[in-house]
């Protein structure tokens, strides 16, 4: 987790606050499958598929190191969203 903390610190330094901006984080299970395949030296067909990806949207309203994210119970929130986005650009 320390590596993730360092990555966010670097993002905060590299990209200062701009109104109406967000970071969208999309987990990529294919990366996990590729790493498992490489580590095990198997063919791709010998590795089970990964689950669906998830989308996380983080926003902030000032130059702060803490970003906001939808509450986990938010029905249409982007805190681990796993279905298709039908209205791109609406967020």
PDB file of N, CA and C in Angstrom:
ATOM      1  N   UNK A   1       0.812  -1.193   0.000  1.00  0.00           N
ATOM      2  CA  UNK A   1       0.000   0.000   0.000  1.00  0.00           C
ATOM      3  C   UNK A   1       0.862   1.266   0.000  1.00  0.00           C
ATOM      4  N   UNK A   2       2.071   1.161   0.514  1.00  0.00           N
ATOM      5  CA  UNK A   2       2.950   2.325   0.552  1.00  0.00           C
ATOM      6  C   UNK A   2       3.240   2.834  -0.860  1.00  0.00           C
ATOM      7  N   UNK A   3       3.388   1.907  -1.800  1.00  0.00           N
ATOM      8  CA  UNK A   3       3.651   2.285  -3.187  1.00  0.00           C
ATOM      9  C   UNK A   3       2.491   3.107  -3.755  1.00  0.00           C
ATOM     10  N   UNK A   4       1.262   2.744  -3.391  1.00  0.00           N
ATOM     11  CA  UNK A   4       0.085   3.493  -3.848  1.00  0.00           C
ATOM     12  C   UNK A   4       0.063   4.889  -3.224  1.00  0.00           C
ATOM     13  N   UNK A   5       0.409   4.982  -1.935  1.00  0.00           N
ATOM     14  CA  UNK A   5       0.484   6.291  -1.277  1.00  0.00           C
ATOM     15  C   UNK A   5       1.487   7.191  -1.988  1.00  0.00           C
ATOM     16  N   UNK A   6       2.637   6.630  -2.342  1.00  0.00           N
ATOM     17  CA  UNK A   6       3.660   7.402  -3.046  1.00  0.00           C
ATOM     18  C   UNK A   6       3.180   7.831  -4.427  1.00  0.00           C
ATOM     19  N   UNK A   7       2.432   6.968  -5.103  1.00  0.00           N
ATOM     20  CA  UNK A   7       1.904   7.307  -6.433  1.00  0.00           C
ATOM     21  C   UNK A   7       0.916   8.467  -6.347  1.00  0.00           C
ATOM     22  N   UNK A   8       0.045   8.459  -5.335  1.00  0.00           N
ATOM     23  CA  UNK A   8      -0.919   9.548  -5.176  1.00  0.00           C
ATOM     24  C   UNK A   8      -0.197  10.846  -4.830  1.00  0.00           C
ATOM     25  N   UNK A   9       0.813  10.777  -3.989  1.00  0.00           N
ATOM     26  CA  UNK A   9       1.597  11.975  -3.680  1.00  0.00           C
ATOM     27  C   UNK A   9       2.201  12.553  -4.962  1.00  0.00           C
ATOM     28  N   UNK A  10       2.736  11.699  -5.808  1.00  0.00           N
ATOM     29  CA  UNK A  10       3.327  12.156  -7.072  1.00  0.00           C
ATOM     30  C   UNK A  10       2.264  12.766  -7.989  1.00  0.00           C
ATOM     31  N   UNK A  11       1.073  12.161  -8.035  1.00  0.00           N
ATOM     32  CA  UNK A  11      -0.026  12.726  -8.836  1.00  0.00           C
ATOM     33  C   UNK A  11      -0.412  14.109  -8.334  1.00  0.00           C
ATOM     34  N   UNK A  12      -0.513  14.247  -7.016  1.00  0.00           N
ATOM     35  CA  UNK A  12      -0.885  15.538  -6.433  1.00  0.00           C
ATOM     36  C   UNK A  12       0.151  16.611  -6.755  1.00  0.00           C
ATOM     37  N   UNK A  13       1.416  16.231  -6.757  1.00  0.00           N
ATOM     38  CA  UNK A  13       2.476  17.194  -7.072  1.00  0.00           C
ATOM     39  C   UNK A  13       2.495  17.529  -8.561  1.00  0.00           C
ATOM     40  N   UNK A  14       2.338  16.518  -9.391  1.00  0.00           N
ATOM     41  CA  UNK A  14       2.442  16.719 -10.841  1.00  0.00           C
ATOM     42  C   UNK A  14       1.218  17.421 -11.422  1.00  0.00           C
ATOM     43  N   UNK A  15       0.046  17.169 -10.866  1.00  0.00           N
ATOM     44  CA  UNK A  15      -1.197  17.720 -11.402  1.00  0.00           C
ATOM     45  C   UNK A  15      -1.909  18.544 -10.344  1.00  0.00           C
ATOM     46  N   UNK A  16      -1.619  19.847 -10.262  1.00  0.00           N
ATOM     47  CA  UNK A  16      -2.300  20.693  -9.283  1.00  0.00           C
ATOM     48  C   UNK A  16      -3.799  20.769  -9.576  1.00  0.00           C
ATOM     49  N   UNK A  17      -4.542  21.173  -8.572  1.00  0.00           N
ATOM     50  CA  UNK A  17      -5.997  21.254  -8.687  1.00  0.00           C
ATOM     51  C   UNK A  17      -6.421  22.125  -9.854  1.00  0.00           C
ATOM     52  N   UNK A  18      -7.392  21.635 -10.626  1.00  0.00           N
ATOM     53  CA  UNK A  18      -8.055  22.393 -11.684  1.00  0.00           C
ATOM     54  C   UNK A  18      -9.546  22.146 -11.525  1.00  0.00           C
ATOM     55  N   UNK A  19     -10.369  23.200 -11.557  1.00  0.00           N
ATOM     56  CA  UNK A  19     -11.820  22.995 -11.441  1.00  0.00           C
ATOM     57  C   UNK A  19     -12.329  22.034 -12.519  1.00  0.00           C
ATOM     58  N   UNK A  20     -13.360  21.297 -12.158  1.00  0.00           N
ATOM     59  CA  UNK A  20     -14.018  20.351 -13.054  1.00  0.00           C
ATOM     60  C   UNK A  20     -13.053  19.295 -13.593  1.00  0.00           C
ATOM     61  N   UNK A  21     -12.154  18.828 -12.749  1.00  0.00           N
ATOM     62  CA  UNK A  21     -11.253  17.755 -13.153  1.00  0.00           C
ATOM     63  C   UNK A  21     -11.434  16.574 -12.199  1.00  0.00           C
ATOM     64  N   UNK A  22     -11.030  15.420 -12.656  1.00  0.00           N
ATOM     65  CA  UNK A  22     -11.165  14.210 -11.846  1.00  0.00           C
ATOM     66  C   UNK A  22     -10.079  13.231 -12.255  1.00  0.00           C
ATOM     67  N   UNK A  23      -9.838  12.283 -11.391  1.00  0.00           N
ATOM     68  CA  UNK A  23      -9.004  11.136 -11.740  1.00  0.00           C
ATOM     69  C   UNK A  23      -9.959   9.959 -11.831  1.00  0.00           C
ATOM     70  N   UNK A  24      -9.884   9.250 -12.923  1.00  0.00           N
ATOM     71  CA  UNK A  24     -10.685   8.045 -13.085  1.00  0.00           C
ATOM     72  C   UNK A  24      -9.717   6.872 -13.084  1.00  0.00           C
ATOM     73  N   UNK A  25      -9.923   5.970 -12.141  1.00  0.00           N
ATOM     74  CA  UNK A  25      -9.055   4.807 -12.005  1.00  0.00           C
ATOM     75  C   UNK A  25      -9.843   3.583 -12.461  1.00  0.00           C
ATOM     76  N   UNK A  26      -9.281   2.866 -13.404  1.00  0.00           N
ATOM     77  CA  UNK A  26      -9.933   1.659 -13.911  1.00  0.00           C
ATOM     78  C   UNK A  26      -9.003   0.480 -13.651  1.00  0.00           C
ATOM     79  N   UNK A  27      -9.490  -0.462 -12.878  1.00  0.00           N
ATOM     80  CA  UNK A  27      -8.667  -1.648 -12.637  1.00  0.00           C
ATOM     81  C   UNK A  27      -8.632  -2.463 -13.926  1.00  0.00           C
ATOM     82  N   UNK A  28      -7.536  -3.092 -14.187  1.00  0.00           N
ATOM     83  CA  UNK A  28      -7.382  -3.811 -15.443  1.00  0.00           C
ATOM     84  C   UNK A  28      -7.011  -5.259 -15.170  1.00  0.00           C
ATOM     85  N   UNK A  29      -8.015  -6.134 -15.128  1.00  0.00           N
ATOM     86  CA  UNK A  29      -7.732  -7.532 -14.801  1.00  0.00           C
ATOM     87  C   UNK A  29      -6.803  -8.203 -15.796  1.00  0.00           C
ATOM     88  N   UNK A  30      -6.750  -7.698 -17.024  1.00  0.00           N
ATOM     89  CA  UNK A  30      -5.851  -8.309 -18.004  1.00  0.00           C
ATOM     90  C   UNK A  30      -4.406  -8.209 -17.542  1.00  0.00           C
ATOM     91  N   UNK A  31      -4.084  -7.131 -16.832  1.00  0.00           N
ATOM     92  CA  UNK A  31      -2.734  -7.004 -16.284  1.00  0.00           C
ATOM     93  C   UNK A  31      -2.443  -8.109 -15.288  1.00  0.00           C
ATOM     94  N   UNK A  32      -3.435  -8.438 -14.468  1.00  0.00           N
ATOM     95  CA  UNK A  32      -3.266  -9.522 -13.496  1.00  0.00           C
ATOM     96  C   UNK A  32      -3.080 -10.855 -14.204  1.00  0.00           C
ATOM     97  N   UNK A  33      -3.871 -11.098 -15.240  1.00  0.00           N
ATOM     98  CA  UNK A  33      -3.761 -12.344 -16.001  1.00  0.00           C
ATOM     99  C   UNK A  33      -2.389 -12.426 -16.671  1.00  0.00           C
ATOM    100  N   UNK A  34      -1.949 -11.313 -17.250  1.00  0.00           N
ATOM    101  CA  UNK A  34      -0.655 -11.305 -17.933  1.00  0.00           C
ATOM    102  C   UNK A  34       0.491 -11.575 -16.957  1.00  0.00           C
ATOM    103  N   UNK A  35       0.426 -10.974 -15.763  1.00  0.00           N
ATOM    104  CA  UNK A  35       1.464 -11.225 -14.759  1.00  0.00           C
ATOM    105  C   UNK A  35       1.453 -12.681 -14.297  1.00  0.00           C
ATOM    106  N   UNK A  36       0.258 -13.237 -14.078  1.00  0.00           N
ATOM    107  CA  UNK A  36       0.155 -14.633 -13.657  1.00  0.00           C
ATOM    108  C   UNK A  36       0.700 -15.556 -14.739  1.00  0.00           C
ATOM    109  N   UNK A  37       0.393 -15.261 -15.996  1.00  0.00           N
ATOM    110  CA  UNK A  37       0.890 -16.065 -17.110  1.00  0.00           C
ATOM    111  C   UNK A  37       2.410 -15.996 -17.191  1.00  0.00           C
ATOM    112  N   UNK A  38       2.950 -14.783 -17.056  1.00  0.00           N
ATOM    113  CA  UNK A  38       4.402 -14.617 -17.142  1.00  0.00           C
ATOM    114  C   UNK A  38       5.110 -15.312 -15.983  1.00  0.00           C
ATOM    115  N   UNK A  39       4.575 -15.161 -14.788  1.00  0.00           N
ATOM    116  CA  UNK A  39       5.210 -15.759 -13.615  1.00  0.00           C
ATOM    117  C   UNK A  39       5.160 -17.279 -13.646  1.00  0.00           C
ATOM    118  N   UNK A  40       4.056 -17.813 -14.179  1.00  0.00           N
ATOM    119  CA  UNK A  40       3.913 -19.267 -14.204  1.00  0.00           C
ATOM    120  C   UNK A  40       4.470 -19.896 -15.479  1.00  0.00           C
ATOM    121  N   UNK A  41       4.852 -19.046 -16.451  1.00  0.00           N
ATOM    122  CA  UNK A  41       5.386 -19.523 -17.734  1.00  0.00           C
ATOM    123  C   UNK A  41       4.417 -20.473 -18.433  1.00  0.00           C
ATOM    124  N   UNK A  42       3.114 -20.178 -18.314  1.00  0.00           N
ATOM    125  CA  UNK A  42       2.090 -20.969 -18.990  1.00  0.00           C
ATOM    126  C   UNK A  42       1.594 -20.197 -20.204  1.00  0.00           C
ATOM    127  N   UNK A  43       0.798 -20.848 -21.013  1.00  0.00           N
ATOM    128  CA  UNK A  43       0.174 -20.135 -22.128  1.00  0.00           C
ATOM    129  C   UNK A  43      -1.037 -19.386 -21.593  1.00  0.00           C
ATOM    130  N   UNK A  44      -1.467 -18.407 -22.336  1.00  0.00           N
ATOM    131  CA  UNK A  44      -2.616 -17.617 -21.910  1.00  0.00           C
ATOM    132  C   UNK A  44      -3.872 -18.468 -21.763  1.00  0.00           C
ATOM    133  N   UNK A  45      -4.016 -19.493 -22.591  1.00  0.00           N
ATOM    134  CA  UNK A  45      -5.197 -20.362 -22.499  1.00  0.00           C
ATOM    135  C   UNK A  45      -5.203 -21.212 -21.237  1.00  0.00           C
ATOM    136  N   UNK A  46      -4.066 -21.295 -20.541  1.00  0.00           N
ATOM    137  CA  UNK A  46      -3.983 -22.068 -19.304  1.00  0.00           C
ATOM    138  C   UNK A  46      -4.278 -21.228 -18.061  1.00  0.00           C
ATOM    139  N   UNK A  47      -4.568 -19.958 -18.262  1.00  0.00           N
ATOM    140  CA  UNK A  47      -4.861 -19.061 -17.142  1.00  0.00           C
ATOM    141  C   UNK A  47      -6.344 -18.708 -17.195  1.00  0.00           C
ATOM    142  N   UNK A  48      -7.039 -18.889 -16.072  1.00  0.00           N
ATOM    143  CA  UNK A  48      -8.463 -18.546 -16.025  1.00  0.00           C
ATOM    144  C   UNK A  48      -8.669 -17.044 -16.216  1.00  0.00           C
ATOM    145  N   UNK A  49      -9.773 -16.643 -16.835  1.00  0.00           N
ATOM    146  CA  UNK A  49     -10.037 -15.220 -17.023  1.00  0.00           C
ATOM    147  C   UNK A  49     -10.228 -14.496 -15.689  1.00  0.00           C
ATOM    148  N   UNK A  50      -9.894 -13.235 -15.680  1.00  0.00           N
ATOM    149  CA  UNK A  50     -10.098 -12.400 -14.491  1.00  0.00           C
ATOM    150  C   UNK A  50     -11.527 -11.866 -14.488  1.00  0.00           C
ATOM    151  N   UNK A  51     -11.953 -11.417 -13.343  1.00  0.00           N
ATOM    152  CA  UNK A  51     -13.289 -10.838 -13.223  1.00  0.00           C
ATOM    153  C   UNK A  51     -13.385  -9.494 -13.923  1.00  0.00           C
ATOM    154  N   UNK A  52     -14.557  -8.877 -13.894  1.00  0.00           N
ATOM    155  CA  UNK A  52     -14.740  -7.604 -14.596  1.00  0.00           C
ATOM    156  C   UNK A  52     -13.917  -6.487 -13.954  1.00  0.00           C
ATOM    157  N   UNK A  53     -13.630  -5.497 -14.748  1.00  0.00           N
ATOM    158  CA  UNK A  53     -12.888  -4.358 -14.207  1.00  0.00           C
ATOM    159  C   UNK A  53     -13.833  -3.484 -13.385  1.00  0.00           C
ATOM    160  N   UNK A  54     -13.282  -2.603 -12.614  1.00  0.00           N
ATOM    161  CA  UNK A  54     -14.068  -1.682 -11.802  1.00  0.00           C
ATOM    162  C   UNK A  54     -13.582  -0.261 -12.069  1.00  0.00           C
ATOM    163  N   UNK A  55     -14.480   0.696 -11.968  1.00  0.00           N
ATOM    164  CA  UNK A  55     -14.165   2.094 -12.231  1.00  0.00           C
ATOM    165  C   UNK A  55     -14.337   2.886 -10.942  1.00  0.00           C
ATOM    166  N   UNK A  56     -13.342   3.729 -10.646  1.00  0.00           N
ATOM    167  CA  UNK A  56     -13.365   4.590  -9.471  1.00  0.00           C
ATOM    168  C   UNK A  56     -13.120   6.021  -9.937  1.00  0.00           C
ATOM    169  N   UNK A  57     -13.967   6.944  -9.530  1.00  0.00           N
ATOM    170  CA  UNK A  57     -13.792   8.355  -9.892  1.00  0.00           C
ATOM    171  C   UNK A  57     -13.512   9.144  -8.620  1.00  0.00           C
ATOM    172  N   UNK A  58     -12.409   9.886  -8.630  1.00  0.00           N
ATOM    173  CA  UNK A  58     -12.018  10.692  -7.476  1.00  0.00           C
ATOM    174  C   UNK A  58     -11.978  12.156  -7.887  1.00  0.00           C
ATOM    175  N   UNK A  59     -12.537  13.016  -7.062  1.00  0.00           N
ATOM    176  CA  UNK A  59     -12.567  14.444  -7.357  1.00  0.00           C
ATOM    177  C   UNK A  59     -12.057  15.220  -6.149  1.00  0.00           C
ATOM    178  N   UNK A  60     -11.737  16.482  -6.373  1.00  0.00           N
ATOM    179  CA  UNK A  60     -11.388  17.369  -5.265  1.00  0.00           C
ATOM    180  C   UNK A  60     -11.807  18.779  -5.640  1.00  0.00           C
ATOM    181  N   UNK A  61     -12.029  19.619  -4.627  1.00  0.00           N
ATOM    182  CA  UNK A  61     -12.523  20.974  -4.876  1.00  0.00           C
ATOM    183  C   UNK A  61     -11.494  22.036  -4.518  1.00  0.00           C
ATOM    184  N   UNK A  62     -10.280  21.620  -4.180  1.00  0.00           N
ATOM    185  CA  UNK A  62      -9.200  22.551  -3.877  1.00  0.00           C
ATOM    186  C   UNK A  62      -7.879  21.805  -3.964  1.00  0.00           C
ATOM    187  N   UNK A  63      -6.776  22.529  -3.794  1.00  0.00           N
ATOM    188  CA  UNK A  63      -5.455  21.900  -3.833  1.00  0.00           C
ATOM    189  C   UNK A  63      -5.218  21.176  -2.510  1.00  0.00           C
ATOM    190  N   UNK A  64      -5.802  20.003  -2.394  1.00  0.00           N
ATOM    191  CA  UNK A  64      -5.677  19.185  -1.193  1.00  0.00           C
ATOM    192  C   UNK A  64      -5.134  17.824  -1.577  1.00  0.00           C
ATOM    193  N   UNK A  65      -4.557  17.119  -0.640  1.00  0.00           N
ATOM    194  CA  UNK A  65      -4.035  15.793  -0.942  1.00  0.00           C
ATOM    195  C   UNK A  65      -5.086  14.703  -0.767  1.00  0.00           C
ATOM    196  N   UNK A  66      -6.266  15.081  -0.261  1.00  0.00           N
ATOM    197  CA  UNK A  66      -7.339  14.111  -0.060  1.00  0.00           C
ATOM    198  C   UNK A  66      -8.407  14.296  -1.128  1.00  0.00           C
ATOM    199  N   UNK A  67      -8.698  13.252  -1.840  1.00  0.00           N
ATOM    200  CA  UNK A  67      -9.700  13.266  -2.907  1.00  0.00           C
ATOM    201  C   UNK A  67     -11.000  12.675  -2.382  1.00  0.00           C
ATOM    202  N   UNK A  68     -12.113  13.053  -2.996  1.00  0.00           N
ATOM    203  CA  UNK A  68     -13.427  12.529  -2.619  1.00  0.00           C
ATOM    204  C   UNK A  68     -13.846  11.429  -3.578  1.00  0.00           C
ATOM    205  N   UNK A  69     -14.570  10.458  -3.033  1.00  0.00           N
ATOM    206  CA  UNK A  69     -15.084   9.361  -3.837  1.00  0.00           C
ATOM    207  C   UNK A  69     -16.494   9.059  -3.354  1.00  0.00           C
ATOM    208  N   UNK A  70     -17.346   8.574  -4.242  1.00  0.00           N
ATOM    209  CA  UNK A  70     -18.710   8.230  -3.857  1.00  0.00           C
ATOM    210  C   UNK A  70     -18.709   7.224  -2.709  1.00  0.00           C
ATOM    211  N   UNK A  71     -19.730   7.315  -1.870  1.00  0.00           N
ATOM    212  CA  UNK A  71     -19.896   6.366  -0.775  1.00  0.00           C
ATOM    213  C   UNK A  71     -20.119   4.971  -1.358  1.00  0.00           C
ATOM    214  N   UNK A  72     -19.602   3.925  -0.723  1.00  0.00           N
ATOM    215  CA  UNK A  72     -19.764   2.572  -1.267  1.00  0.00           C
ATOM    216  C   UNK A  72     -21.211   2.152  -1.485  1.00  0.00           C
ATOM    217  N   UNK A  73     -22.150   2.724  -0.737  1.00  0.00           N
ATOM    218  CA  UNK A  73     -23.555   2.331  -0.887  1.00  0.00           C
ATOM    219  C   UNK A  73     -24.276   3.122  -1.980  1.00  0.00           C
ATOM    220  N   UNK A  74     -23.605   4.072  -2.614  1.00  0.00           N
ATOM    221  CA  UNK A  74     -24.229   4.870  -3.668  1.00  0.00           C
ATOM    222  C   UNK A  74     -24.582   3.977  -4.853  1.00  0.00           C
ATOM    223  N   UNK A  75     -25.858   3.934  -5.203  1.00  0.00           N
ATOM    224  CA  UNK A  75     -26.341   3.018  -6.236  1.00  0.00           C
ATOM    225  C   UNK A  75     -25.714   3.270  -7.605  1.00  0.00           C
ATOM    226  N   UNK A  76     -25.587   4.517  -8.006  1.00  0.00           N
ATOM    227  CA  UNK A  76     -25.026   4.825  -9.320  1.00  0.00           C
ATOM    228  C   UNK A  76     -23.655   5.470  -9.211  1.00  0.00           C
ATOM    229  N   UNK A  77     -23.001   5.290  -8.073  1.00  0.00           N
ATOM    230  CA  UNK A  77     -21.713   5.914  -7.843  1.00  0.00           C
ATOM    231  C   UNK A  77     -20.577   5.239  -8.592  1.00  0.00           C
ATOM    232  N   UNK A  78     -19.448   5.913  -8.603  1.00  0.00           N
ATOM    233  CA  UNK A  78     -18.264   5.380  -9.271  1.00  0.00           C
ATOM    234  C   UNK A  78     -17.206   5.005  -8.234  1.00  0.00           C
ATOM    235  N   UNK A  79     -17.614   4.194  -7.280  1.00  0.00           N
ATOM    236  CA  UNK A  79     -16.714   3.642  -6.271  1.00  0.00           C
ATOM    237  C   UNK A  79     -16.731   2.126  -6.456  1.00  0.00           C
ATOM    238  N   UNK A  80     -15.997   1.671  -7.459  1.00  0.00           N
ATOM    239  CA  UNK A  80     -16.020   0.256  -7.791  1.00  0.00           C
ATOM    240  C   UNK A  80     -17.127  -0.094  -8.762  1.00  0.00           C
ATOM    241  N   UNK A  81     -17.488   0.838  -9.628  1.00  0.00           N
ATOM    242  CA  UNK A  81     -18.547   0.650 -10.628  1.00  0.00           C
ATOM    243  C   UNK A  81     -18.163  -0.487 -11.571  1.00  0.00           C
ATOM    244  N   UNK A  82     -19.052  -1.466 -11.774  1.00  0.00           N
ATOM    245  CA  UNK A  82     -18.704  -2.623 -12.590  1.00  0.00           C
ATOM    246  C   UNK A  82     -19.600  -2.837 -13.806  1.00  0.00           C
ATOM    247  N   UNK A  83     -20.564  -1.957 -14.026  1.00  0.00           N
ATOM    248  CA  UNK A  83     -21.397  -2.120 -15.229  1.00  0.00           C
ATOM    249  C   UNK A  83     -20.985  -1.082 -16.262  1.00  0.00           C
ATOM    250  N   UNK A  84     -21.564  -1.170 -17.432  1.00  0.00           N
ATOM    251  CA  UNK A  84     -21.224  -0.256 -18.516  1.00  0.00           C
ATOM    252  C   UNK A  84     -21.662   1.166 -18.177  1.00  0.00           C
ATOM    253  N   UNK A  85     -20.880   2.129 -18.606  1.00  0.00           N
ATOM    254  CA  UNK A  85     -21.241   3.536 -18.482  1.00  0.00           C
ATOM    255  C   UNK A  85     -22.048   3.906 -19.718  1.00  0.00           C
ATOM    256  N   UNK A  86     -23.274   4.344 -19.535  1.00  0.00           N
ATOM    257  CA  UNK A  86     -24.122   4.634 -20.692  1.00  0.00           C
ATOM    258  C   UNK A  86     -24.127   6.099 -21.073  1.00  0.00           C
ATOM    259  N   UNK A  87     -23.758   6.979 -20.150  1.00  0.00           N
ATOM    260  CA  UNK A  87     -23.825   8.409 -20.427  1.00  0.00           C
ATOM    261  C   UNK A  87     -22.450   9.017 -20.226  1.00  0.00           C
ATOM    262  N   UNK A  88     -21.570   8.802 -21.173  1.00  0.00           N
ATOM    263  CA  UNK A  88     -20.196   9.293 -21.039  1.00  0.00           C
ATOM    264  C   UNK A  88     -20.170  10.823 -20.976  1.00  0.00           C
ATOM    265  N   UNK A  89     -19.364  11.343 -20.107  1.00  0.00           N
ATOM    266  CA  UNK A  89     -19.213  12.774 -19.976  1.00  0.00           C
ATOM    267  C   UNK A  89     -20.219  13.441 -19.054  1.00  0.00           C
ATOM    268  N   UNK A  90     -21.113  12.655 -18.459  1.00  0.00           N
ATOM    269  CA  UNK A  90     -22.139  13.245 -17.598  1.00  0.00           C
ATOM    270  C   UNK A  90     -21.636  13.500 -16.192  1.00  0.00           C
ATOM    271  N   UNK A  91     -20.546  12.865 -15.807  1.00  0.00           N
ATOM    272  CA  UNK A  91     -20.079  12.995 -14.435  1.00  0.00           C
ATOM    273  C   UNK A  91     -19.426  14.294 -14.220  1.00  0.00           C
TER     274      UNK A  91
END
